[in-house]
Amino acid sequence: MPEIYDQVGGPDGMRAAVTVFYNRVVADEELSRWFEGVDLERLKAHQRAFLAAAFGGPQLFSGRSLHDAHAGLEITDAAFDRIVMTLLTSLADLGVPNDAVVGVGERLERARGDIVGAEG
């Protein structure tokens, strides 16, 4: 099976997916609060590198661990679920094959414990 990175469309697909994803996140009243005051262009570049590495593409990511990057943000399970669904919907809307979208969801679910830090 091809790597998810290739199924997403390589670097161009990753750029489109991250752009669509963050446009939706900052427009979402329930999610946008976590991104207030954040340099979105920097975050998008960081996210592209992280997702590329996580999905079998180039290993260019050199940032903090998921746990360290999300520590203190008080992210809830509900917010995690909503942001994952936003990403999966963004990928599907861009024409990423369903098996790749499912694979992304499975990989993100394994990261839940490193990202969620609040009850509710």
PDB file of N, CA and C in Angstrom:
ATOM      1  N   MET A   1       0.843  -1.189   0.000  1.00  0.00           N
ATOM      2  CA  MET A   1       0.000   0.000   0.000  1.00  0.00           C
ATOM      3  C   MET A   1       0.883   1.245   0.000  1.00  0.00           C
ATOM      4  N   PRO A   2       0.544   2.230  -0.822  1.00  0.00           N
ATOM      5  CA  PRO A   2       1.355   3.448  -0.843  1.00  0.00           C
ATOM      6  C   PRO A   2       1.281   4.172   0.501  1.00  0.00           C
ATOM      7  N   GLU A   3       2.316   4.914   0.776  1.00  0.00           N
ATOM      8  CA  GLU A   3       2.325   5.710   2.002  1.00  0.00           C
ATOM      9  C   GLU A   3       1.197   6.736   1.948  1.00  0.00           C
ATOM     10  N   ILE A   4       0.660   7.082   3.102  1.00  0.00           N
ATOM     11  CA  ILE A   4      -0.407   8.075   3.172  1.00  0.00           C
ATOM     12  C   ILE A   4       0.063   9.388   2.549  1.00  0.00           C
ATOM     13  N   TYR A   5       1.319   9.735   2.762  1.00  0.00           N
ATOM     14  CA  TYR A   5       1.878  10.976   2.203  1.00  0.00           C
ATOM     15  C   TYR A   5       1.659  11.031   0.695  1.00  0.00           C
ATOM     16  N   ASP A   6       1.926   9.940   0.013  1.00  0.00           N
ATOM     17  CA  ASP A   6       1.741   9.886  -1.438  1.00  0.00           C
ATOM     18  C   ASP A   6       0.264   9.947  -1.808  1.00  0.00           C
ATOM     19  N   GLN A   7      -0.578   9.300  -1.012  1.00  0.00           N
ATOM     20  CA  GLN A   7      -2.014   9.309  -1.293  1.00  0.00           C
ATOM     21  C   GLN A   7      -2.619  10.699  -1.091  1.00  0.00           C
ATOM     22  N   VAL A   8      -2.036  11.467  -0.196  1.00  0.00           N
ATOM     23  CA  VAL A   8      -2.506  12.828   0.042  1.00  0.00           C
ATOM     24  C   VAL A   8      -2.079  13.739  -1.109  1.00  0.00           C
ATOM     25  N   GLY A   9      -1.052  13.343  -1.837  1.00  0.00           N
ATOM     26  CA  GLY A   9      -0.607  14.127  -2.988  1.00  0.00           C
ATOM     27  C   GLY A   9       0.783  14.714  -2.843  1.00  0.00           C
ATOM     28  N   GLY A  10       1.585  14.137  -1.946  1.00  0.00           N
ATOM     29  CA  GLY A  10       2.946  14.627  -1.770  1.00  0.00           C
ATOM     30  C   GLY A  10       2.970  16.046  -1.243  1.00  0.00           C
ATOM     31  N   PRO A  11       4.010  16.807  -1.565  1.00  0.00           N
ATOM     32  CA  PRO A  11       4.140  18.147  -0.980  1.00  0.00           C
ATOM     33  C   PRO A  11       3.013  19.100  -1.381  1.00  0.00           C
ATOM     34  N   ASP A  12       2.544  19.020  -2.621  1.00  0.00           N
ATOM     35  CA  ASP A  12       1.456  19.914  -3.039  1.00  0.00           C
ATOM     36  C   ASP A  12       0.153  19.556  -2.338  1.00  0.00           C
ATOM     37  N   GLY A  13      -0.121  18.271  -2.220  1.00  0.00           N
ATOM     38  CA  GLY A  13      -1.319  17.834  -1.517  1.00  0.00           C
ATOM     39  C   GLY A  13      -1.265  18.183  -0.043  1.00  0.00           C
ATOM     40  N   MET A  14      -0.082  18.039   0.547  1.00  0.00           N
ATOM     41  CA  MET A  14       0.084  18.371   1.960  1.00  0.00           C
ATOM     42  C   MET A  14      -0.147  19.862   2.179  1.00  0.00           C
ATOM     43  N   ARG A  15       0.382  20.692   1.284  1.00  0.00           N
ATOM     44  CA  ARG A  15       0.192  22.149   1.400  1.00  0.00           C
ATOM     45  C   ARG A  15      -1.294  22.493   1.307  1.00  0.00           C
ATOM     46  N   ALA A  16      -1.990  21.912   0.336  1.00  0.00           N
ATOM     47  CA  ALA A  16      -3.424  22.180   0.170  1.00  0.00           C
ATOM     48  C   ALA A  16      -4.212  21.705   1.384  1.00  0.00           C
ATOM     49  N   ALA A  17      -3.899  20.508   1.867  1.00  0.00           N
ATOM     50  CA  ALA A  17      -4.625  19.956   3.010  1.00  0.00           C
ATOM     51  C   ALA A  17      -4.448  20.822   4.251  1.00  0.00           C
ATOM     52  N   VAL A  18      -3.231  21.236   4.525  1.00  0.00           N
ATOM     53  CA  VAL A  18      -2.967  22.052   5.716  1.00  0.00           C
ATOM     54  C   VAL A  18      -3.635  23.419   5.587  1.00  0.00           C
ATOM     55  N   THR A  19      -3.624  24.000   4.399  1.00  0.00           N
ATOM     56  CA  THR A  19      -4.277  25.295   4.182  1.00  0.00           C
ATOM     57  C   THR A  19      -5.777  25.195   4.403  1.00  0.00           C
ATOM     58  N   VAL A  20      -6.406  24.222   3.777  1.00  0.00           N
ATOM     59  CA  VAL A  20      -7.851  24.030   3.939  1.00  0.00           C
ATOM     60  C   VAL A  20      -8.185  23.756   5.399  1.00  0.00           C
ATOM     61  N   PHE A  21      -7.405  22.893   6.023  1.00  0.00           N
ATOM     62  CA  PHE A  21      -7.626  22.521   7.415  1.00  0.00           C
ATOM     63  C   PHE A  21      -7.595  23.741   8.335  1.00  0.00           C
ATOM     64  N   TYR A  22      -6.535  24.547   8.250  1.00  0.00           N
ATOM     65  CA  TYR A  22      -6.439  25.700   9.147  1.00  0.00           C
ATOM     66  C   TYR A  22      -7.455  26.785   8.820  1.00  0.00           C
ATOM     67  N   ASN A  23      -7.822  26.933   7.572  1.00  0.00           N
ATOM     68  CA  ASN A  23      -8.896  27.875   7.243  1.00  0.00           C
ATOM     69  C   ASN A  23     -10.176  27.474   7.956  1.00  0.00           C
ATOM     70  N   ARG A  24     -10.449  26.194   7.998  1.00  0.00           N
ATOM     71  CA  ARG A  24     -11.656  25.711   8.670  1.00  0.00           C
ATOM     72  C   ARG A  24     -11.535  25.811  10.186  1.00  0.00           C
ATOM     73  N   VAL A  25     -10.375  25.507  10.714  1.00  0.00           N
ATOM     74  CA  VAL A  25     -10.178  25.546  12.166  1.00  0.00           C
ATOM     75  C   VAL A  25     -10.352  26.958  12.710  1.00  0.00           C
ATOM     76  N   VAL A  26      -9.738  27.949  12.067  1.00  0.00           N
ATOM     77  CA  VAL A  26      -9.840  29.315  12.600  1.00  0.00           C
ATOM     78  C   VAL A  26     -11.233  29.908  12.394  1.00  0.00           C
ATOM     79  N   ALA A  27     -12.018  29.321  11.502  1.00  0.00           N
ATOM     80  CA  ALA A  27     -13.397  29.770  11.302  1.00  0.00           C
ATOM     81  C   ALA A  27     -14.373  29.062  12.237  1.00  0.00           C
ATOM     82  N   ASP A  28     -13.919  28.056  12.938  1.00  0.00           N
ATOM     83  CA  ASP A  28     -14.757  27.248  13.823  1.00  0.00           C
ATOM     84  C   ASP A  28     -14.758  27.879  15.220  1.00  0.00           C
ATOM     85  N   GLU A  29     -15.914  28.324  15.664  1.00  0.00           N
ATOM     86  CA  GLU A  29     -16.019  29.006  16.957  1.00  0.00           C
ATOM     87  C   GLU A  29     -15.552  28.139  18.120  1.00  0.00           C
ATOM     88  N   GLU A  30     -15.694  26.829  18.007  1.00  0.00           N
ATOM     89  CA  GLU A  30     -15.291  25.941  19.096  1.00  0.00           C
ATOM     90  C   GLU A  30     -13.793  25.647  19.105  1.00  0.00           C
ATOM     91  N   LEU A  31     -13.130  25.837  17.989  1.00  0.00           N
ATOM     92  CA  LEU A  31     -11.702  25.514  17.906  1.00  0.00           C
ATOM     93  C   LEU A  31     -10.797  26.737  17.840  1.00  0.00           C
ATOM     94  N   SER A  32     -11.309  27.829  17.335  1.00  0.00           N
ATOM     95  CA  SER A  32     -10.456  28.986  17.041  1.00  0.00           C
ATOM     96  C   SER A  32      -9.738  29.539  18.260  1.00  0.00           C
ATOM     97  N   ARG A  33     -10.300  29.370  19.439  1.00  0.00           N
ATOM     98  CA  ARG A  33      -9.672  29.947  20.638  1.00  0.00           C
ATOM     99  C   ARG A  33      -8.272  29.406  20.895  1.00  0.00           C
ATOM    100  N   TRP A  34      -8.003  28.167  20.470  1.00  0.00           N
ATOM    101  CA  TRP A  34      -6.680  27.592  20.673  1.00  0.00           C
ATOM    102  C   TRP A  34      -5.642  28.197  19.718  1.00  0.00           C
ATOM    103  N   PHE A  35      -6.095  28.973  18.745  1.00  0.00           N
ATOM    104  CA  PHE A  35      -5.191  29.503  17.732  1.00  0.00           C
ATOM    105  C   PHE A  35      -5.090  31.021  17.745  1.00  0.00           C
ATOM    106  N   GLU A  36      -5.733  31.655  18.723  1.00  0.00           N
ATOM    107  CA  GLU A  36      -5.663  33.100  18.839  1.00  0.00           C
ATOM    108  C   GLU A  36      -4.238  33.512  19.177  1.00  0.00           C
ATOM    109  N   GLY A  37      -3.737  34.498  18.447  1.00  0.00           N
ATOM    110  CA  GLY A  37      -2.395  34.995  18.699  1.00  0.00           C
ATOM    111  C   GLY A  37      -1.274  34.098  18.194  1.00  0.00           C
ATOM    112  N   VAL A  38      -1.623  33.049  17.461  1.00  0.00           N
ATOM    113  CA  VAL A  38      -0.623  32.118  16.935  1.00  0.00           C
ATOM    114  C   VAL A  38      -0.222  32.555  15.531  1.00  0.00           C
ATOM    115  N   ASP A  39       1.050  32.489  15.232  1.00  0.00           N
ATOM    116  CA  ASP A  39       1.554  32.776  13.889  1.00  0.00           C
ATOM    117  C   ASP A  39       1.142  31.612  12.989  1.00  0.00           C
ATOM    118  N   LEU A  40       0.047  31.778  12.260  1.00  0.00           N
ATOM    119  CA  LEU A  40      -0.507  30.677  11.476  1.00  0.00           C
ATOM    120  C   LEU A  40       0.399  30.244  10.329  1.00  0.00           C
ATOM    121  N   GLU A  41       1.126  31.158   9.723  1.00  0.00           N
ATOM    122  CA  GLU A  41       2.025  30.752   8.632  1.00  0.00           C
ATOM    123  C   GLU A  41       3.132  29.851   9.168  1.00  0.00           C
ATOM    124  N   ARG A  42       3.651  30.201  10.315  1.00  0.00           N
ATOM    125  CA  ARG A  42       4.680  29.369  10.949  1.00  0.00           C
ATOM    126  C   ARG A  42       4.087  28.019  11.347  1.00  0.00           C
ATOM    127  N   LEU A  43       2.903  28.054  11.926  1.00  0.00           N
ATOM    128  CA  LEU A  43       2.245  26.822  12.350  1.00  0.00           C
ATOM    129  C   LEU A  43       1.936  25.919  11.156  1.00  0.00           C
ATOM    130  N   LYS A  44       1.488  26.502  10.050  1.00  0.00           N
ATOM    131  CA  LYS A  44       1.209  25.707   8.848  1.00  0.00           C
ATOM    132  C   LYS A  44       2.473  25.020   8.337  1.00  0.00           C
ATOM    133  N   ALA A  45       3.581  25.733   8.308  1.00  0.00           N
ATOM    134  CA  ALA A  45       4.841  25.134   7.854  1.00  0.00           C
ATOM    135  C   ALA A  45       5.255  23.997   8.785  1.00  0.00           C
ATOM    136  N   HIS A  46       5.108  24.230  10.071  1.00  0.00           N
ATOM    137  CA  HIS A  46       5.427  23.225  11.081  1.00  0.00           C
ATOM    138  C   HIS A  46       4.524  22.001  10.901  1.00  0.00           C
ATOM    139  N   GLN A  47       3.238  22.252  10.691  1.00  0.00           N
ATOM    140  CA  GLN A  47       2.269  21.160  10.536  1.00  0.00           C
ATOM    141  C   GLN A  47       2.535  20.357   9.265  1.00  0.00           C
ATOM    142  N   ARG A  48       2.898  21.028   8.180  1.00  0.00           N
ATOM    143  CA  ARG A  48       3.227  20.312   6.938  1.00  0.00           C
ATOM    144  C   ARG A  48       4.393  19.362   7.165  1.00  0.00           C
ATOM    145  N   ALA A  49       5.436  19.831   7.843  1.00  0.00           N
ATOM    146  CA  ALA A  49       6.603  18.994   8.117  1.00  0.00           C
ATOM    147  C   ALA A  49       6.236  17.833   9.033  1.00  0.00           C
ATOM    148  N   PHE A  50       5.449  18.112  10.067  1.00  0.00           N
ATOM    149  CA  PHE A  50       5.042  17.065  11.005  1.00  0.00           C
ATOM    150  C   PHE A  50       4.204  16.001  10.299  1.00  0.00           C
ATOM    151  N   LEU A  51       3.182  16.442   9.554  1.00  0.00           N
ATOM    152  CA  LEU A  51       2.305  15.485   8.893  1.00  0.00           C
ATOM    153  C   LEU A  51       3.037  14.705   7.807  1.00  0.00           C
ATOM    154  N   ALA A  52       3.916  15.362   7.083  1.00  0.00           N
ATOM    155  CA  ALA A  52       4.694  14.651   6.058  1.00  0.00           C
ATOM    156  C   ALA A  52       5.467  13.505   6.695  1.00  0.00           C
ATOM    157  N   ALA A  53       6.146  13.778   7.796  1.00  0.00           N
ATOM    158  CA  ALA A  53       6.911  12.739   8.485  1.00  0.00           C
ATOM    159  C   ALA A  53       5.988  11.655   9.035  1.00  0.00           C
ATOM    160  N   ALA A  54       4.874  12.072   9.636  1.00  0.00           N
ATOM    161  CA  ALA A  54       3.945  11.108  10.230  1.00  0.00           C
ATOM    162  C   ALA A  54       3.275  10.223   9.192  1.00  0.00           C
ATOM    163  N   PHE A  55       3.140  10.718   7.972  1.00  0.00           N
ATOM    164  CA  PHE A  55       2.425   9.984   6.929  1.00  0.00           C
ATOM    165  C   PHE A  55       3.356   9.294   5.937  1.00  0.00           C
ATOM    166  N   GLY A  56       4.642   9.183   6.286  1.00  0.00           N
ATOM    167  CA  GLY A  56       5.549   8.411   5.452  1.00  0.00           C
ATOM    168  C   GLY A  56       6.303   9.202   4.410  1.00  0.00           C
ATOM    169  N   GLY A  57       6.266  10.520   4.503  1.00  0.00           N
ATOM    170  CA  GLY A  57       6.995  11.368   3.558  1.00  0.00           C
ATOM    171  C   GLY A  57       8.356  11.745   4.109  1.00  0.00           C
ATOM    172  N   PRO A  58       8.901  12.841   3.612  1.00  0.00           N
ATOM    173  CA  PRO A  58      10.226  13.290   4.067  1.00  0.00           C
ATOM    174  C   PRO A  58      10.256  13.526   5.576  1.00  0.00           C
ATOM    175  N   GLN A  59      11.327  13.146   6.197  1.00  0.00           N
ATOM    176  CA  GLN A  59      11.487  13.284   7.640  1.00  0.00           C
ATOM    177  C   GLN A  59      12.179  14.605   7.963  1.00  0.00           C
ATOM    178  N   LEU A  60      11.459  15.700   7.775  1.00  0.00           N
ATOM    179  CA  LEU A  60      12.017  17.036   7.983  1.00  0.00           C
ATOM    180  C   LEU A  60      11.603  17.645   9.315  1.00  0.00           C
ATOM    181  N   PHE A  61      10.716  16.987  10.042  1.00  0.00           N
ATOM    182  CA  PHE A  61      10.193  17.529  11.288  1.00  0.00           C
ATOM    183  C   PHE A  61      11.257  17.479  12.377  1.00  0.00           C
ATOM    184  N   SER A  62      11.461  18.616  13.049  1.00  0.00           N
ATOM    185  CA  SER A  62      12.432  18.663  14.138  1.00  0.00           C
ATOM    186  C   SER A  62      11.885  19.442  15.330  1.00  0.00           C
ATOM    187  N   GLY A  63      10.571  19.488  15.439  1.00  0.00           N
ATOM    188  CA  GLY A  63       9.950  20.248  16.519  1.00  0.00           C
ATOM    189  C   GLY A  63       9.837  19.463  17.807  1.00  0.00           C
ATOM    190  N   ARG A  64       9.138  20.062  18.745  1.00  0.00           N
ATOM    191  CA  ARG A  64       8.918  19.432  20.047  1.00  0.00           C
ATOM    192  C   ARG A  64       8.040  18.203  19.891  1.00  0.00           C
ATOM    193  N   SER A  65       8.035  17.368  20.895  1.00  0.00           N
ATOM    194  CA  SER A  65       7.152  16.198  20.892  1.00  0.00           C
ATOM    195  C   SER A  65       5.701  16.675  20.951  1.00  0.00           C
ATOM    196  N   LEU A  66       4.784  15.821  20.526  1.00  0.00           N
ATOM    197  CA  LEU A  66       3.364  16.170  20.597  1.00  0.00           C
ATOM    198  C   LEU A  66       2.963  16.543  22.018  1.00  0.00           C
ATOM    199  N   HIS A  67       3.429  15.783  22.980  1.00  0.00           N
ATOM    200  CA  HIS A  67       3.088  16.050  24.369  1.00  0.00           C
ATOM    201  C   HIS A  67       3.576  17.430  24.786  1.00  0.00           C
ATOM    202  N   ASP A  68       4.843  17.734  24.500  1.00  0.00           N
ATOM    203  CA  ASP A  68       5.402  19.031  24.893  1.00  0.00           C
ATOM    204  C   ASP A  68       4.728  20.190  24.159  1.00  0.00           C
ATOM    205  N   ALA A  69       4.426  20.007  22.879  1.00  0.00           N
ATOM    206  CA  ALA A  69       3.815  21.075  22.087  1.00  0.00           C
ATOM    207  C   ALA A  69       2.405  21.416  22.557  1.00  0.00           C
ATOM    208  N   HIS A  70       1.714  20.455  23.157  1.00  0.00           N
ATOM    209  CA  HIS A  70       0.330  20.669  23.560  1.00  0.00           C
ATOM    210  C   HIS A  70       0.156  20.804  25.077  1.00  0.00           C
ATOM    211  N   ALA A  71       1.243  20.684  25.823  1.00  0.00           N
ATOM    212  CA  ALA A  71       1.183  20.799  27.284  1.00  0.00           C
ATOM    213  C   ALA A  71       0.639  22.166  27.679  1.00  0.00           C
ATOM    214  N   GLY A  72      -0.280  22.165  28.627  1.00  0.00           N
ATOM    215  CA  GLY A  72      -0.822  23.413  29.143  1.00  0.00           C
ATOM    216  C   GLY A  72      -1.916  24.040  28.303  1.00  0.00           C
ATOM    217  N   LEU A  73      -2.229  23.451  27.158  1.00  0.00           N
ATOM    218  CA  LEU A  73      -3.265  24.033  26.301  1.00  0.00           C
ATOM    219  C   LEU A  73      -4.677  23.622  26.715  1.00  0.00           C
ATOM    220  N   GLU A  74      -4.774  22.662  27.628  1.00  0.00           N
ATOM    221  CA  GLU A  74      -6.074  22.225  28.140  1.00  0.00           C
ATOM    222  C   GLU A  74      -7.011  21.767  27.020  1.00  0.00           C
ATOM    223  N   ILE A  75      -6.484  20.991  26.104  1.00  0.00           N
ATOM    224  CA  ILE A  75      -7.280  20.464  24.999  1.00  0.00           C
ATOM    225  C   ILE A  75      -8.138  19.317  25.519  1.00  0.00           C
ATOM    226  N   THR A  76      -9.406  19.376  25.221  1.00  0.00           N
ATOM    227  CA  THR A  76     -10.355  18.355  25.669  1.00  0.00           C
ATOM    228  C   THR A  76     -10.501  17.249  24.618  1.00  0.00           C
ATOM    229  N   ASP A  77     -11.091  16.145  25.038  1.00  0.00           N
ATOM    230  CA  ASP A  77     -11.393  15.070  24.093  1.00  0.00           C
ATOM    231  C   ASP A  77     -12.323  15.571  22.993  1.00  0.00           C
ATOM    232  N   ALA A  78     -13.296  16.381  23.373  1.00  0.00           N
ATOM    233  CA  ALA A  78     -14.251  16.901  22.384  1.00  0.00           C
ATOM    234  C   ALA A  78     -13.539  17.782  21.351  1.00  0.00           C
ATOM    235  N   ALA A  79     -12.616  18.616  21.793  1.00  0.00           N
ATOM    236  CA  ALA A  79     -11.867  19.465  20.863  1.00  0.00           C
ATOM    237  C   ALA A  79     -10.968  18.611  19.974  1.00  0.00           C
ATOM    238  N   PHE A  80     -10.329  17.600  20.562  1.00  0.00           N
ATOM    239  CA  PHE A  80      -9.494  16.690  19.779  1.00  0.00           C
ATOM    240  C   PHE A  80     -10.335  16.019  18.692  1.00  0.00           C
ATOM    241  N   ASP A  81     -11.501  15.495  19.089  1.00  0.00           N
ATOM    242  CA  ASP A  81     -12.380  14.839  18.115  1.00  0.00           C
ATOM    243  C   ASP A  81     -12.780  15.799  17.003  1.00  0.00           C
ATOM    244  N   ARG A  82     -13.097  17.025  17.373  1.00  0.00           N
ATOM    245  CA  ARG A  82     -13.544  18.014  16.384  1.00  0.00           C
ATOM    246  C   ARG A  82     -12.422  18.385  15.417  1.00  0.00           C
ATOM    247  N   ILE A  83     -11.226  18.544  15.932  1.00  0.00           N
ATOM    248  CA  ILE A  83     -10.123  18.932  15.051  1.00  0.00           C
ATOM    249  C   ILE A  83      -9.721  17.774  14.142  1.00  0.00           C
ATOM    250  N   VAL A  84      -9.757  16.558  14.663  1.00  0.00           N
ATOM    251  CA  VAL A  84      -9.464  15.390  13.818  1.00  0.00           C
ATOM    252  C   VAL A  84     -10.515  15.287  12.713  1.00  0.00           C
ATOM    253  N   MET A  85     -11.776  15.457  13.063  1.00  0.00           N
ATOM    254  CA  MET A  85     -12.833  15.391  12.054  1.00  0.00           C
ATOM    255  C   MET A  85     -12.665  16.494  11.011  1.00  0.00           C
ATOM    256  N   THR A  86     -12.231  17.668  11.448  1.00  0.00           N
ATOM    257  CA  THR A  86     -11.994  18.761  10.509  1.00  0.00           C
ATOM    258  C   THR A  86     -10.886  18.391   9.526  1.00  0.00           C
ATOM    259  N   LEU A  87      -9.821  17.784  10.014  1.00  0.00           N
ATOM    260  CA  LEU A  87      -8.738  17.368   9.131  1.00  0.00           C
ATOM    261  C   LEU A  87      -9.205  16.268   8.181  1.00  0.00           C
ATOM    262  N   LEU A  88      -9.894  15.282   8.701  1.00  0.00           N
ATOM    263  CA  LEU A  88     -10.349  14.173   7.858  1.00  0.00           C
ATOM    264  C   LEU A  88     -11.323  14.656   6.785  1.00  0.00           C
ATOM    265  N   THR A  89     -12.203  15.562   7.150  1.00  0.00           N
ATOM    266  CA  THR A  89     -13.149  16.126   6.182  1.00  0.00           C
ATOM    267  C   THR A  89     -12.401  16.945   5.128  1.00  0.00           C
ATOM    268  N   SER A  90     -11.401  17.696   5.574  1.00  0.00           N
ATOM    269  CA  SER A  90     -10.595  18.486   4.635  1.00  0.00           C
ATOM    270  C   SER A  90      -9.915  17.572   3.620  1.00  0.00           C
ATOM    271  N   LEU A  91      -9.335  16.482   4.092  1.00  0.00           N
ATOM    272  CA  LEU A  91      -8.667  15.534   3.197  1.00  0.00           C
ATOM    273  C   LEU A  91      -9.660  14.919   2.215  1.00  0.00           C
ATOM    274  N   ALA A  92     -10.804  14.486   2.729  1.00  0.00           N
ATOM    275  CA  ALA A  92     -11.820  13.880   1.859  1.00  0.00           C
ATOM    276  C   ALA A  92     -12.304  14.879   0.818  1.00  0.00           C
ATOM    277  N   ASP A  93     -12.525  16.117   1.238  1.00  0.00           N
ATOM    278  CA  ASP A  93     -12.992  17.151   0.306  1.00  0.00           C
ATOM    279  C   ASP A  93     -11.964  17.457  -0.779  1.00  0.00           C
ATOM    280  N   LEU A  94     -10.695  17.191  -0.497  1.00  0.00           N
ATOM    281  CA  LEU A  94      -9.633  17.409  -1.482  1.00  0.00           C
ATOM    282  C   LEU A  94      -9.422  16.185  -2.378  1.00  0.00           C
ATOM    283  N   GLY A  95     -10.235  15.151  -2.161  1.00  0.00           N
ATOM    284  CA  GLY A  95     -10.160  13.979  -3.024  1.00  0.00           C
ATOM    285  C   GLY A  95      -9.174  12.913  -2.576  1.00  0.00           C
ATOM    286  N   VAL A  96      -8.695  12.995  -1.346  1.00  0.00           N
ATOM    287  CA  VAL A  96      -7.791  11.961  -0.832  1.00  0.00           C
ATOM    288  C   VAL A  96      -8.594  10.661  -0.721  1.00  0.00           C
ATOM    289  N   PRO A  97      -8.014   9.553  -1.173  1.00  0.00           N
ATOM    290  CA  PRO A  97      -8.728   8.275  -1.113  1.00  0.00           C
ATOM    291  C   PRO A  97      -9.186   7.933   0.306  1.00  0.00           C
ATOM    292  N   ASN A  98     -10.342   7.306   0.404  1.00  0.00           N
ATOM    293  CA  ASN A  98     -10.944   6.983   1.690  1.00  0.00           C
ATOM    294  C   ASN A  98     -10.014   6.163   2.578  1.00  0.00           C
ATOM    295  N   ASP A  99      -9.295   5.183   2.005  1.00  0.00           N
ATOM    296  CA  ASP A  99      -8.420   4.374   2.851  1.00  0.00           C
ATOM    297  C   ASP A  99      -7.306   5.214   3.469  1.00  0.00           C
ATOM    298  N   ALA A 100      -6.851   6.241   2.764  1.00  0.00           N
ATOM    299  CA  ALA A 100      -5.844   7.139   3.320  1.00  0.00           C
ATOM    300  C   ALA A 100      -6.445   7.999   4.425  1.00  0.00           C
ATOM    301  N   VAL A 101      -7.668   8.481   4.212  1.00  0.00           N
ATOM    302  CA  VAL A 101      -8.349   9.287   5.241  1.00  0.00           C
ATOM    303  C   VAL A 101      -8.527   8.454   6.513  1.00  0.00           C
ATOM    304  N   VAL A 102      -8.948   7.212   6.350  1.00  0.00           N
ATOM    305  CA  VAL A 102      -9.107   6.310   7.504  1.00  0.00           C
ATOM    306  C   VAL A 102      -7.759   6.107   8.194  1.00  0.00           C
ATOM    307  N   GLY A 103      -6.699   5.928   7.415  1.00  0.00           N
ATOM    308  CA  GLY A 103      -5.364   5.750   7.981  1.00  0.00           C
ATOM    309  C   GLY A 103      -4.906   6.957   8.773  1.00  0.00           C
ATOM    310  N   VAL A 104      -5.202   8.140   8.279  1.00  0.00           N
ATOM    311  CA  VAL A 104      -4.870   9.367   9.007  1.00  0.00           C
ATOM    312  C   VAL A 104      -5.616   9.377  10.339  1.00  0.00           C
ATOM    313  N   GLY A 105      -6.892   9.066  10.307  1.00  0.00           N
ATOM    314  CA  GLY A 105      -7.680   9.035  11.542  1.00  0.00           C
ATOM    315  C   GLY A 105      -7.116   8.057  12.559  1.00  0.00           C
ATOM    316  N   GLU A 106      -6.690   6.898  12.091  1.00  0.00           N
ATOM    317  CA  GLU A 106      -6.115   5.894  12.991  1.00  0.00           C
ATOM    318  C   GLU A 106      -4.813   6.388  13.603  1.00  0.00           C
ATOM    319  N   ARG A 107      -3.979   7.024  12.808  1.00  0.00           N
ATOM    320  CA  ARG A 107      -2.709   7.542  13.333  1.00  0.00           C
ATOM    321  C   ARG A 107      -2.945   8.661  14.344  1.00  0.00           C
ATOM    322  N   LEU A 108      -3.899   9.520  14.051  1.00  0.00           N
ATOM    323  CA  LEU A 108      -4.187  10.611  14.980  1.00  0.00           C
ATOM    324  C   LEU A 108      -4.774  10.098  16.282  1.00  0.00           C
ATOM    325  N   GLU A 109      -5.596   9.076  16.205  1.00  0.00           N
ATOM    326  CA  GLU A 109      -6.187   8.506  17.418  1.00  0.00           C
ATOM    327  C   GLU A 109      -5.098   7.991  18.357  1.00  0.00           C
ATOM    328  N   ARG A 110      -4.047   7.444  17.806  1.00  0.00           N
ATOM    329  CA  ARG A 110      -2.944   6.950  18.640  1.00  0.00           C
ATOM    330  C   ARG A 110      -2.217   8.092  19.347  1.00  0.00           C
ATOM    331  N   ALA A 111      -2.382   9.305  18.872  1.00  0.00           N
ATOM    332  CA  ALA A 111      -1.720  10.472  19.486  1.00  0.00           C
ATOM    333  C   ALA A 111      -2.586  11.157  20.528  1.00  0.00           C
ATOM    334  N   ARG A 112      -3.811  10.710  20.715  1.00  0.00           N
ATOM    335  CA  ARG A 112      -4.757  11.361  21.629  1.00  0.00           C
ATOM    336  C   ARG A 112      -4.138  11.619  23.005  1.00  0.00           C
ATOM    337  N   GLY A 113      -3.505  10.628  23.587  1.00  0.00           N
ATOM    338  CA  GLY A 113      -2.956  10.752  24.929  1.00  0.00           C
ATOM    339  C   GLY A 113      -1.864  11.807  25.058  1.00  0.00           C
ATOM    340  N   ASP A 114      -1.192  12.113  23.949  1.00  0.00           N
ATOM    341  CA  ASP A 114      -0.146  13.138  23.977  1.00  0.00           C
ATOM    342  C   ASP A 114      -0.703  14.544  23.780  1.00  0.00           C
ATOM    343  N   ILE A 115      -1.932  14.643  23.308  1.00  0.00           N
ATOM    344  CA  ILE A 115      -2.504  15.952  22.951  1.00  0.00           C
ATOM    345  C   ILE A 115      -3.564  16.398  23.951  1.00  0.00           C
ATOM    346  N   VAL A 116      -4.438  15.507  24.346  1.00  0.00           N
ATOM    347  CA  VAL A 116      -5.532  15.858  25.261  1.00  0.00           C
ATOM    348  C   VAL A 116      -4.978  16.048  26.664  1.00  0.00           C
ATOM    349  N   GLY A 117      -5.304  17.197  27.254  1.00  0.00           N
ATOM    350  CA  GLY A 117      -4.795  17.482  28.587  1.00  0.00           C
ATOM    351  C   GLY A 117      -5.819  18.053  29.528  1.00  0.00           C
ATOM    352  N   ALA A 118      -7.109  17.960  29.164  1.00  0.00           N
ATOM    353  CA  ALA A 118      -8.157  18.512  30.023  1.00  0.00           C
ATOM    354  C   ALA A 118      -9.354  17.588  30.018  1.00  0.00           C
ATOM    355  N   GLU A 119     -10.082  17.619  31.093  1.00  0.00           N
ATOM    356  CA  GLU A 119     -11.328  16.853  31.177  1.00  0.00           C
ATOM    357  C   GLU A 119     -12.431  17.623  30.468  1.00  0.00           C
ATOM    358  N   GLY A 120     -13.426  16.882  30.012  1.00  0.00           N
ATOM    359  CA  GLY A 120     -14.588  17.564  29.439  1.00  0.00           C
ATOM    360  C   GLY A 120     -14.691  17.349  28.026  1.00  0.00           C
TER     361      GLY A 120
END
